[in-house]
Amino acid sequence: MNFFFLQTEFRSCSACGEPISDKFLLEVSGRSWHARCLRCCVCQLQLDRQPSCFIRDRAVYCKQDYAKSFGAKCSICARGISSSDWVRKARDHVYHLACFACAACHRQLSTGEEFALHEDRVLCKAHYLETLDGGTTSSDEGCDAEGYHKNKAKRVRTTFTEEQLQVLQANFQLDSNPDGQDLERIAQITGLSKRVTQVWFQNSRARQKKHMHTGKVKTQMHNSRDDSSFGRHINLHLTYSFQHQNNNSKTSLFSQAESSLDELSQESTMHCMQGEV
């Protein structure tokens, strides 16, 4: 906060429209408020004691409501993505690490593995080719490590529900290498066997380690100057009515190289979400 001990003019409050005759005022994105009038448009939380707020289409939001309304959401489970989540990105879609799986066989896909986005569904190479051939697939048919069918030795693959993936992913963020007691607890919560739970954690650790060693972990931030299209993160400054301050703005956006739909692609990347959402 910046303090100034001079006042030469009165401004009108952007919320109530009344002149601001108070000793202090709040200025956000070139607009002025009474300290008591700056509130979140959703929950009506008074923001004068908050470190920051968000502006979108000239409406003011607290951090929590902005994230709920405009924050990134997983393209599979439609749940919000927090700043600490590991995610995968394919084109303009964002996925939780655990959610990025073939819609037909439910096998999680790795970076570099060929896949396709068909009608907004993620498909491994084998099931996408079957779609082109007009064939049908069964989730228990199975694919090998490269995504091709096993025609001889078939084995049943574990299918995870959305709720199970939510629990597994949340516990992985807390501890990527749980001990036997924690594995037993997680298995009981999800209804999975301890062995299946252990293998899921092993595979997730391996994928995370692979991406960290290959240097493909990065954060993509894209700044926007257009208030009408994107939200802006504003640092609040307490000033006197005549004082102008430069406001910092930032927006978390996701970008991906465009390519035609239903084209086999290897452009899935894993990221650790950082900063504000």
C-alpha atoms as a PDB file:
ATOM      1  CA  MET A   1       0.000   0.000   0.000  1.00  0.00           C
ATOM      2  CA  ASN A   2       1.099   3.536  -0.727  1.00  0.00           C
ATOM      3  CA  PHE A   3       0.185   6.424   1.586  1.00  0.00           C
ATOM      4  CA  PHE A   4      -0.046  10.067   0.533  1.00  0.00           C
ATOM      5  CA  PHE A   5      -0.824  13.065   2.704  1.00  0.00           C
ATOM      6  CA  LEU A   6      -2.465  15.460   0.302  1.00  0.00           C
ATOM      7  CA  GLN A   7      -5.941  15.850  -1.157  1.00  0.00           C
ATOM      8  CA  THR A   8      -6.835  18.386  -3.823  1.00  0.00           C
ATOM      9  CA  GLU A   9     -10.058  17.089  -5.417  1.00  0.00           C
ATOM     10  CA  PHE A  10     -13.018  14.799  -4.884  1.00  0.00           C
ATOM     11  CA  ARG A  11     -13.869  11.850  -7.103  1.00  0.00           C
ATOM     12  CA  SER A  12     -17.100   9.939  -7.556  1.00  0.00           C
ATOM     13  CA  CYS A  13     -17.338   6.383  -6.260  1.00  0.00           C
ATOM     14  CA  SER A  14     -17.751   3.811  -9.060  1.00  0.00           C
ATOM     15  CA  ALA A  15     -20.172   1.821  -6.893  1.00  0.00           C
ATOM     16  CA  CYS A  16     -22.514   4.323  -5.229  1.00  0.00           C
ATOM     17  CA  GLY A  17     -21.840   7.370  -7.423  1.00  0.00           C
ATOM     18  CA  GLU A  18     -21.396   9.668  -4.440  1.00  0.00           C
ATOM     19  CA  PRO A  19     -18.376  11.987  -4.121  1.00  0.00           C
ATOM     20  CA  ILE A  20     -15.508  10.526  -2.124  1.00  0.00           C
ATOM     21  CA  SER A  21     -14.738  12.923   0.690  1.00  0.00           C
ATOM     22  CA  ASP A  22     -12.990  10.332   2.854  1.00  0.00           C
ATOM     23  CA  LYS A  23      -9.363  10.748   3.745  1.00  0.00           C
ATOM     24  CA  PHE A  24      -8.566   7.531   1.908  1.00  0.00           C
ATOM     25  CA  LEU A  25      -9.979   5.903  -1.201  1.00  0.00           C
ATOM     26  CA  LEU A  26      -9.347   2.767  -3.234  1.00  0.00           C
ATOM     27  CA  GLU A  27      -8.343   3.021  -6.865  1.00  0.00           C
ATOM     28  CA  VAL A  28      -8.581  -0.006  -9.150  1.00  0.00           C
ATOM     29  CA  SER A  29      -7.872   0.067 -12.872  1.00  0.00           C
ATOM     30  CA  GLY A  30      -8.326   3.844 -13.035  1.00  0.00           C
ATOM     31  CA  ARG A  31     -11.647   3.827 -11.157  1.00  0.00           C
ATOM     32  CA  SER A  32     -12.223   4.994  -7.588  1.00  0.00           C
ATOM     33  CA  TRP A  33     -14.246   3.546  -4.716  1.00  0.00           C
ATOM     34  CA  HIS A  34     -15.083   4.328  -1.147  1.00  0.00           C
ATOM     35  CA  ALA A  35     -13.228   1.764   0.937  1.00  0.00           C
ATOM     36  CA  ARG A  36     -16.584   0.406   2.110  1.00  0.00           C
ATOM     37  CA  CYS A  37     -17.999   0.204  -1.440  1.00  0.00           C
ATOM     38  CA  LEU A  38     -15.385  -1.998  -3.108  1.00  0.00           C
ATOM     39  CA  ARG A  39     -17.038  -5.424  -2.911  1.00  0.00           C
ATOM     40  CA  CYS A  40     -17.095  -8.685  -4.843  1.00  0.00           C
ATOM     41  CA  CYS A  41     -20.064  -8.653  -7.224  1.00  0.00           C
ATOM     42  CA  VAL A  42     -20.837 -12.302  -6.387  1.00  0.00           C
ATOM     43  CA  CYS A  43     -20.412 -12.788  -2.637  1.00  0.00           C
ATOM     44  CA  GLN A  44     -20.397  -9.087  -1.625  1.00  0.00           C
ATOM     45  CA  LEU A  45     -17.163  -9.559   0.320  1.00  0.00           C
ATOM     46  CA  GLN A  46     -15.701  -6.164   1.225  1.00  0.00           C
ATOM     47  CA  LEU A  47     -12.324  -5.975  -0.501  1.00  0.00           C
ATOM     48  CA  ASP A  48     -10.672  -3.038   1.202  1.00  0.00           C
ATOM     49  CA  ARG A  49      -8.640  -5.376   3.411  1.00  0.00           C
ATOM     50  CA  GLN A  50      -7.925  -7.950   0.707  1.00  0.00           C
ATOM     51  CA  PRO A  51      -4.491  -7.950  -0.992  1.00  0.00           C
ATOM     52  CA  SER A  52      -5.959  -8.205  -4.488  1.00  0.00           C
ATOM     53  CA  CYS A  53      -9.076  -8.451  -6.594  1.00  0.00           C
ATOM     54  CA  PHE A  54     -10.032  -9.248 -10.193  1.00  0.00           C
ATOM     55  CA  ILE A  55     -11.752  -7.111 -12.831  1.00  0.00           C
ATOM     56  CA  ARG A  56     -13.705  -8.580 -15.743  1.00  0.00           C
ATOM     57  CA  ASP A  57     -16.181  -6.689 -17.917  1.00  0.00           C
ATOM     58  CA  ARG A  58     -15.908  -3.850 -15.379  1.00  0.00           C
ATOM     59  CA  ALA A  59     -17.228  -6.140 -12.621  1.00  0.00           C
ATOM     60  CA  VAL A  60     -15.151  -6.699  -9.481  1.00  0.00           C
ATOM     61  CA  TYR A  61     -14.510 -10.203  -8.115  1.00  0.00           C
ATOM     62  CA  CYS A  62     -12.712 -11.628  -5.119  1.00  0.00           C
ATOM     63  CA  LYS A  63     -10.085 -14.249  -5.868  1.00  0.00           C
ATOM     64  CA  GLN A  64     -12.288 -17.221  -4.970  1.00  0.00           C
ATOM     65  CA  ASP A  65     -15.323 -16.191  -7.028  1.00  0.00           C
ATOM     66  CA  TYR A  66     -13.196 -15.221 -10.008  1.00  0.00           C
ATOM     67  CA  ALA A  67     -11.594 -18.671  -9.991  1.00  0.00           C
ATOM     68  CA  LYS A  68     -15.018 -20.340  -9.772  1.00  0.00           C
ATOM     69  CA  SER A  69     -16.475 -18.243 -12.580  1.00  0.00           C
ATOM     70  CA  PHE A  70     -13.583 -17.923 -15.011  1.00  0.00           C
ATOM     71  CA  GLY A  71     -10.751 -20.160 -13.795  1.00  0.00           C
ATOM     72  CA  ALA A  72      -9.421 -23.035 -15.868  1.00  0.00           C
ATOM     73  CA  LYS A  73     -11.474 -26.238 -15.771  1.00  0.00           C
ATOM     74  CA  CYS A  74     -10.538 -29.766 -16.749  1.00  0.00           C
ATOM     75  CA  SER A  75     -12.018 -30.692 -20.144  1.00  0.00           C
ATOM     76  CA  ILE A  76     -12.879 -34.180 -18.842  1.00  0.00           C
ATOM     77  CA  CYS A  77     -14.274 -33.796 -15.322  1.00  0.00           C
ATOM     78  CA  ALA A  78     -15.183 -30.072 -15.610  1.00  0.00           C
ATOM     79  CA  ARG A  79     -13.776 -29.415 -12.156  1.00  0.00           C
ATOM     80  CA  GLY A  80     -11.561 -26.441 -11.430  1.00  0.00           C
ATOM     81  CA  ILE A  81      -7.787 -26.582 -11.792  1.00  0.00           C
ATOM     82  CA  SER A  82      -5.860 -25.120  -8.891  1.00  0.00           C
ATOM     83  CA  SER A  83      -2.516 -23.358  -9.075  1.00  0.00           C
ATOM     84  CA  SER A  84      -0.651 -26.420  -7.759  1.00  0.00           C
ATOM     85  CA  ASP A  85      -2.209 -29.028 -10.074  1.00  0.00           C
ATOM     86  CA  TRP A  86      -0.183 -30.952 -12.629  1.00  0.00           C
ATOM     87  CA  VAL A  87      -2.049 -30.718 -15.915  1.00  0.00           C
ATOM     88  CA  ARG A  88      -1.820 -31.805 -19.529  1.00  0.00           C
ATOM     89  CA  LYS A  89      -2.646 -29.528 -22.429  1.00  0.00           C
ATOM     90  CA  ALA A  90      -3.703 -30.577 -25.907  1.00  0.00           C
ATOM     91  CA  ARG A  91      -4.658 -27.838 -28.349  1.00  0.00           C
ATOM     92  CA  ASP A  92      -6.944 -25.510 -26.396  1.00  0.00           C
ATOM     93  CA  HIS A  93      -7.983 -28.172 -23.885  1.00  0.00           C
ATOM     94  CA  VAL A  94      -6.603 -28.565 -20.359  1.00  0.00           C
ATOM     95  CA  TYR A  95      -6.783 -31.786 -18.355  1.00  0.00           C
ATOM     96  CA  HIS A  96      -5.908 -33.016 -14.899  1.00  0.00           C
ATOM     97  CA  LEU A  97      -2.989 -35.413 -15.179  1.00  0.00           C
ATOM     98  CA  ALA A  98      -5.156 -38.311 -14.031  1.00  0.00           C
ATOM     99  CA  CYS A  99      -8.009 -37.393 -16.398  1.00  0.00           C
ATOM    100  CA  PHE A 100      -5.937 -37.414 -19.604  1.00  0.00           C
ATOM    101  CA  ALA A 101      -6.889 -40.931 -20.695  1.00  0.00           C
ATOM    102  CA  CYS A 102      -8.348 -42.690 -23.714  1.00  0.00           C
ATOM    103  CA  ALA A 103     -12.137 -42.449 -23.604  1.00  0.00           C
ATOM    104  CA  ALA A 104     -12.457 -46.009 -24.955  1.00  0.00           C
ATOM    105  CA  CYS A 105      -9.963 -48.052 -22.907  1.00  0.00           C
ATOM    106  CA  HIS A 106      -9.431 -45.536 -20.046  1.00  0.00           C
ATOM    107  CA  ARG A 107      -5.658 -45.913 -20.254  1.00  0.00           C
ATOM    108  CA  GLN A 108      -3.747 -42.812 -19.190  1.00  0.00           C
ATOM    109  CA  LEU A 109      -1.690 -41.340 -22.016  1.00  0.00           C
ATOM    110  CA  SER A 110       1.905 -40.159 -21.821  1.00  0.00           C
ATOM    111  CA  THR A 111       3.659 -37.231 -23.457  1.00  0.00           C
ATOM    112  CA  GLY A 112       4.911 -38.232 -26.905  1.00  0.00           C
ATOM    113  CA  GLU A 113       2.266 -40.916 -27.333  1.00  0.00           C
ATOM    114  CA  GLU A 114       0.054 -40.510 -30.381  1.00  0.00           C
ATOM    115  CA  PHE A 115      -3.549 -39.671 -29.670  1.00  0.00           C
ATOM    116  CA  ALA A 116      -6.499 -37.963 -31.327  1.00  0.00           C
ATOM    117  CA  LEU A 117      -9.221 -35.555 -30.262  1.00  0.00           C
ATOM    118  CA  HIS A 118     -12.350 -36.964 -31.867  1.00  0.00           C
ATOM    119  CA  GLU A 119     -15.566 -35.070 -31.102  1.00  0.00           C
ATOM    120  CA  ASP A 120     -13.755 -33.631 -28.059  1.00  0.00           C
ATOM    121  CA  ARG A 121     -12.990 -37.152 -26.818  1.00  0.00           C
ATOM    122  CA  VAL A 122      -9.396 -38.208 -26.231  1.00  0.00           C
ATOM    123  CA  LEU A 123      -8.579 -41.476 -28.018  1.00  0.00           C
ATOM    124  CA  CYS A 124      -5.373 -43.501 -28.122  1.00  0.00           C
ATOM    125  CA  LYS A 125      -4.023 -44.332 -31.573  1.00  0.00           C
ATOM    126  CA  ALA A 126      -5.517 -47.823 -31.706  1.00  0.00           C
ATOM    127  CA  HIS A 127      -9.039 -46.777 -30.796  1.00  0.00           C
ATOM    128  CA  TYR A 128      -8.908 -43.758 -33.078  1.00  0.00           C
ATOM    129  CA  LEU A 129      -7.948 -45.978 -36.026  1.00  0.00           C
ATOM    130  CA  GLU A 130     -10.837 -48.288 -35.172  1.00  0.00           C
ATOM    131  CA  THR A 131     -13.147 -45.276 -35.243  1.00  0.00           C
ATOM    132  CA  LEU A 132     -11.939 -44.453 -38.753  1.00  0.00           C
ATOM    133  CA  ASP A 133     -12.506 -48.057 -39.831  1.00  0.00           C
ATOM    134  CA  GLY A 134     -16.024 -47.997 -38.443  1.00  0.00           C
ATOM    135  CA  GLY A 135     -15.234 -50.697 -35.903  1.00  0.00           C
ATOM    136  CA  THR A 136     -16.308 -50.959 -32.317  1.00  0.00           C
ATOM    137  CA  THR A 137     -14.072 -51.218 -29.305  1.00  0.00           C
ATOM    138  CA  SER A 138     -14.420 -52.710 -25.878  1.00  0.00           C
ATOM    139  CA  SER A 139     -12.826 -51.232 -22.807  1.00  0.00           C
ATOM    140  CA  ASP A 140     -11.534 -54.651 -21.711  1.00  0.00           C
ATOM    141  CA  GLU A 141      -9.798 -55.350 -25.022  1.00  0.00           C
ATOM    142  CA  GLY A 142      -6.643 -53.552 -23.909  1.00  0.00           C
ATOM    143  CA  CYS A 143      -3.752 -51.814 -25.632  1.00  0.00           C
ATOM    144  CA  ASP A 144      -0.037 -52.351 -25.358  1.00  0.00           C
ATOM    145  CA  ALA A 145       2.509 -49.701 -24.273  1.00  0.00           C
ATOM    146  CA  GLU A 146       2.562 -48.156 -27.757  1.00  0.00           C
ATOM    147  CA  GLY A 147      -1.212 -47.977 -27.999  1.00  0.00           C
ATOM    148  CA  TYR A 148      -1.750 -50.991 -30.271  1.00  0.00           C
ATOM    149  CA  HIS A 149      -4.198 -53.824 -29.594  1.00  0.00           C
ATOM    150  CA  LYS A 150      -3.154 -57.088 -28.049  1.00  0.00           C
ATOM    151  CA  ASN A 151      -4.870 -59.673 -30.222  1.00  0.00           C
ATOM    152  CA  LYS A 152      -3.590 -62.708 -28.348  1.00  0.00           C
ATOM    153  CA  ALA A 153      -3.052 -62.348 -24.617  1.00  0.00           C
ATOM    154  CA  LYS A 154      -5.902 -60.149 -23.521  1.00  0.00           C
ATOM    155  CA  ARG A 155      -6.047 -58.851 -19.985  1.00  0.00           C
ATOM    156  CA  VAL A 156      -8.609 -56.886 -18.055  1.00  0.00           C
ATOM    157  CA  ARG A 157      -7.578 -53.303 -17.420  1.00  0.00           C
ATOM    158  CA  THR A 158      -8.706 -51.369 -14.401  1.00  0.00           C
ATOM    159  CA  THR A 159     -11.216 -48.642 -15.186  1.00  0.00           C
ATOM    160  CA  PHE A 160     -11.213 -45.647 -12.850  1.00  0.00           C
ATOM    161  CA  THR A 161     -14.328 -43.632 -12.163  1.00  0.00           C
ATOM    162  CA  GLU A 162     -14.238 -39.845 -12.022  1.00  0.00           C
ATOM    163  CA  GLU A 163     -14.563 -39.919  -8.227  1.00  0.00           C
ATOM    164  CA  GLN A 164     -11.693 -42.398  -7.876  1.00  0.00           C
ATOM    165  CA  LEU A 165      -9.434 -40.261 -10.057  1.00  0.00           C
ATOM    166  CA  GLN A 166     -10.308 -37.211  -7.980  1.00  0.00           C
ATOM    167  CA  VAL A 167      -9.235 -38.969  -4.772  1.00  0.00           C
ATOM    168  CA  LEU A 168      -6.068 -40.418  -6.310  1.00  0.00           C
ATOM    169  CA  GLN A 169      -5.022 -37.094  -7.814  1.00  0.00           C
ATOM    170  CA  ALA A 170      -5.670 -35.188  -4.595  1.00  0.00           C
ATOM    171  CA  ASN A 171      -3.598 -37.635  -2.558  1.00  0.00           C
ATOM    172  CA  PHE A 172      -0.818 -37.618  -5.164  1.00  0.00           C
ATOM    173  CA  GLN A 173      -0.492 -33.862  -4.753  1.00  0.00           C
ATOM    174  CA  LEU A 174      -0.162 -34.291  -0.994  1.00  0.00           C
ATOM    175  CA  ASP A 175       2.284 -37.200  -1.142  1.00  0.00           C
ATOM    176  CA  SER A 176       3.477 -38.745  -4.405  1.00  0.00           C
ATOM    177  CA  ASN A 177       5.018 -41.737  -2.593  1.00  0.00           C
ATOM    178  CA  PRO A 178       2.653 -42.821   0.205  1.00  0.00           C
ATOM    179  CA  ASP A 179       3.616 -45.604   2.586  1.00  0.00           C
ATOM    180  CA  GLY A 180       1.750 -48.877   2.976  1.00  0.00           C
ATOM    181  CA  GLN A 181      -0.648 -47.540   5.571  1.00  0.00           C
ATOM    182  CA  ASP A 182      -1.608 -44.559   3.409  1.00  0.00           C
ATOM    183  CA  LEU A 183      -2.013 -46.808   0.361  1.00  0.00           C
ATOM    184  CA  GLU A 184      -4.390 -48.992   2.356  1.00  0.00           C
ATOM    185  CA  ARG A 185      -6.384 -45.935   3.429  1.00  0.00           C
ATOM    186  CA  ILE A 186      -6.602 -44.577  -0.129  1.00  0.00           C
ATOM    187  CA  ALA A 187      -7.607 -48.013  -1.432  1.00  0.00           C
ATOM    188  CA  GLN A 188     -10.456 -48.188   1.082  1.00  0.00           C
ATOM    189  CA  ILE A 189     -11.690 -44.721   0.136  1.00  0.00           C
ATOM    190  CA  THR A 190     -11.651 -45.444  -3.612  1.00  0.00           C
ATOM    191  CA  GLY A 191     -12.815 -49.050  -3.399  1.00  0.00           C
ATOM    192  CA  LEU A 192      -9.738 -50.201  -5.317  1.00  0.00           C
ATOM    193  CA  SER A 193      -7.296 -52.889  -4.280  1.00  0.00           C
ATOM    194  CA  LYS A 194      -4.094 -51.846  -2.561  1.00  0.00           C
ATOM    195  CA  ARG A 195      -2.080 -53.270  -5.477  1.00  0.00           C
ATOM    196  CA  VAL A 196      -3.980 -51.240  -8.087  1.00  0.00           C
ATOM    197  CA  THR A 197      -3.581 -48.112  -5.973  1.00  0.00           C
ATOM    198  CA  GLN A 198       0.149 -48.741  -5.614  1.00  0.00           C
ATOM    199  CA  VAL A 199       0.600 -49.229  -9.368  1.00  0.00           C
ATOM    200  CA  TRP A 200      -1.300 -46.005 -10.096  1.00  0.00           C
ATOM    201  CA  PHE A 201       1.055 -44.051  -7.840  1.00  0.00           C
ATOM    202  CA  GLN A 202       4.106 -45.735  -9.384  1.00  0.00           C
ATOM    203  CA  ASN A 203       2.979 -44.836 -12.893  1.00  0.00           C
ATOM    204  CA  SER A 204       2.175 -41.257 -11.902  1.00  0.00           C
ATOM    205  CA  ARG A 205       5.589 -40.801 -10.278  1.00  0.00           C
ATOM    206  CA  ALA A 206       7.301 -42.198 -13.360  1.00  0.00           C
ATOM    207  CA  ARG A 207       5.463 -39.817 -15.656  1.00  0.00           C
ATOM    208  CA  GLN A 208       6.220 -36.852 -13.421  1.00  0.00           C
ATOM    209  CA  LYS A 209       9.914 -37.745 -13.208  1.00  0.00           C
ATOM    210  CA  LYS A 210      10.130 -38.199 -16.971  1.00  0.00           C
ATOM    211  CA  HIS A 211       8.762 -34.753 -17.712  1.00  0.00           C
ATOM    212  CA  MET A 212      10.926 -33.073 -15.091  1.00  0.00           C
ATOM    213  CA  HIS A 213      14.086 -34.664 -16.516  1.00  0.00           C
ATOM    214  CA  THR A 214      13.243 -33.792 -20.115  1.00  0.00           C
ATOM    215  CA  GLY A 215      12.683 -30.176 -19.181  1.00  0.00           C
ATOM    216  CA  LYS A 216       9.127 -30.052 -20.430  1.00  0.00           C
ATOM    217  CA  VAL A 217       7.660 -28.678 -17.243  1.00  0.00           C
ATOM    218  CA  LYS A 218       6.864 -25.020 -17.728  1.00  0.00           C
ATOM    219  CA  THR A 219       4.279 -22.365 -17.002  1.00  0.00           C
ATOM    220  CA  GLN A 220       2.519 -20.547 -19.808  1.00  0.00           C
ATOM    221  CA  MET A 221       1.226 -17.125 -18.932  1.00  0.00           C
ATOM    222  CA  HIS A 222      -0.388 -14.807 -21.458  1.00  0.00           C
ATOM    223  CA  ASN A 223      -1.089 -11.165 -20.598  1.00  0.00           C
ATOM    224  CA  SER A 224      -4.124  -9.386 -21.915  1.00  0.00           C
ATOM    225  CA  ARG A 225      -4.860  -5.693 -22.098  1.00  0.00           C
ATOM    226  CA  ASP A 226      -8.515  -6.034 -23.036  1.00  0.00           C
ATOM    227  CA  ASP A 227     -10.723  -5.747 -19.949  1.00  0.00           C
ATOM    228  CA  SER A 228     -13.834  -6.681 -21.928  1.00  0.00           C
ATOM    229  CA  SER A 229     -12.453 -10.087 -22.934  1.00  0.00           C
ATOM    230  CA  PHE A 230     -10.246 -11.246 -20.087  1.00  0.00           C
ATOM    231  CA  GLY A 231     -10.059 -10.831 -16.351  1.00  0.00           C
ATOM    232  CA  ARG A 232      -7.313  -8.714 -14.862  1.00  0.00           C
ATOM    233  CA  HIS A 233      -5.614  -9.302 -11.548  1.00  0.00           C
ATOM    234  CA  ILE A 234      -5.322  -6.006  -9.697  1.00  0.00           C
ATOM    235  CA  ASN A 235      -3.108  -5.184  -6.731  1.00  0.00           C
ATOM    236  CA  LEU A 236      -5.065  -2.878  -4.459  1.00  0.00           C
ATOM    237  CA  HIS A 237      -3.394   0.368  -3.406  1.00  0.00           C
ATOM    238  CA  LEU A 238      -4.724   2.667  -0.719  1.00  0.00           C
ATOM    239  CA  THR A 239      -4.273   6.233  -1.946  1.00  0.00           C
ATOM    240  CA  TYR A 240      -5.602   9.743  -1.515  1.00  0.00           C
ATOM    241  CA  SER A 241      -8.214  10.831  -3.978  1.00  0.00           C
ATOM    242  CA  PHE A 242      -5.916  12.761  -6.302  1.00  0.00           C
ATOM    243  CA  GLN A 243      -3.194  10.116  -6.528  1.00  0.00           C
ATOM    244  CA  HIS A 244      -2.860   7.786  -9.555  1.00  0.00           C
ATOM    245  CA  GLN A 245      -1.039   4.474  -9.255  1.00  0.00           C
ATOM    246  CA  ASN A 246       0.048   2.027 -11.913  1.00  0.00           C
ATOM    247  CA  ASN A 247      -1.874  -1.217 -11.462  1.00  0.00           C
ATOM    248  CA  ASN A 248      -0.322  -4.581 -12.187  1.00  0.00           C
ATOM    249  CA  SER A 249      -2.409  -6.956 -14.216  1.00  0.00           C
ATOM    250  CA  LYS A 250      -2.029 -10.533 -15.168  1.00  0.00           C
ATOM    251  CA  THR A 251      -4.188 -13.257 -16.541  1.00  0.00           C
ATOM    252  CA  SER A 252      -3.599 -16.976 -16.639  1.00  0.00           C
ATOM    253  CA  LEU A 253      -4.424 -18.209 -20.119  1.00  0.00           C
ATOM    254  CA  PHE A 254      -3.755 -21.440 -21.902  1.00  0.00           C
ATOM    255  CA  SER A 255      -2.527 -21.650 -25.474  1.00  0.00           C
ATOM    256  CA  GLN A 256      -1.790 -24.555 -27.788  1.00  0.00           C
ATOM    257  CA  ALA A 257      -0.740 -24.746 -31.419  1.00  0.00           C
ATOM    258  CA  GLU A 258      -3.783 -25.161 -33.645  1.00  0.00           C
ATOM    259  CA  SER A 259      -4.203 -28.296 -35.732  1.00  0.00           C
ATOM    260  CA  SER A 260      -7.091 -29.929 -37.535  1.00  0.00           C
ATOM    261  CA  LEU A 261      -9.574 -32.010 -35.566  1.00  0.00           C
ATOM    262  CA  ASP A 262      -9.315 -35.811 -35.581  1.00  0.00           C
ATOM    263  CA  GLU A 263      -5.661 -35.628 -36.588  1.00  0.00           C
ATOM    264  CA  LEU A 264      -3.304 -37.905 -34.693  1.00  0.00           C
ATOM    265  CA  SER A 265      -1.096 -35.737 -32.558  1.00  0.00           C
ATOM    266  CA  GLN A 266       1.769 -35.984 -30.119  1.00  0.00           C
ATOM    267  CA  GLU A 267       1.335 -32.433 -28.848  1.00  0.00           C
ATOM    268  CA  SER A 268       0.281 -33.117 -25.287  1.00  0.00           C
ATOM    269  CA  THR A 269       2.417 -31.399 -22.685  1.00  0.00           C
ATOM    270  CA  MET A 270       2.454 -31.558 -18.911  1.00  0.00           C
ATOM    271  CA  HIS A 271       2.588 -28.398 -16.839  1.00  0.00           C
ATOM    272  CA  CYS A 272       2.561 -27.416 -13.212  1.00  0.00           C
ATOM    273  CA  MET A 273       0.021 -24.641 -12.817  1.00  0.00           C
ATOM    274  CA  GLN A 274       1.531 -21.709 -10.959  1.00  0.00           C
ATOM    275  CA  GLY A 275       0.437 -18.240  -9.977  1.00  0.00           C
ATOM    276  CA  GLU A 276      -3.059 -16.880  -9.911  1.00  0.00           C
ATOM    277  CA  VAL A 277      -5.945 -18.447 -11.704  1.00  0.00           C
END
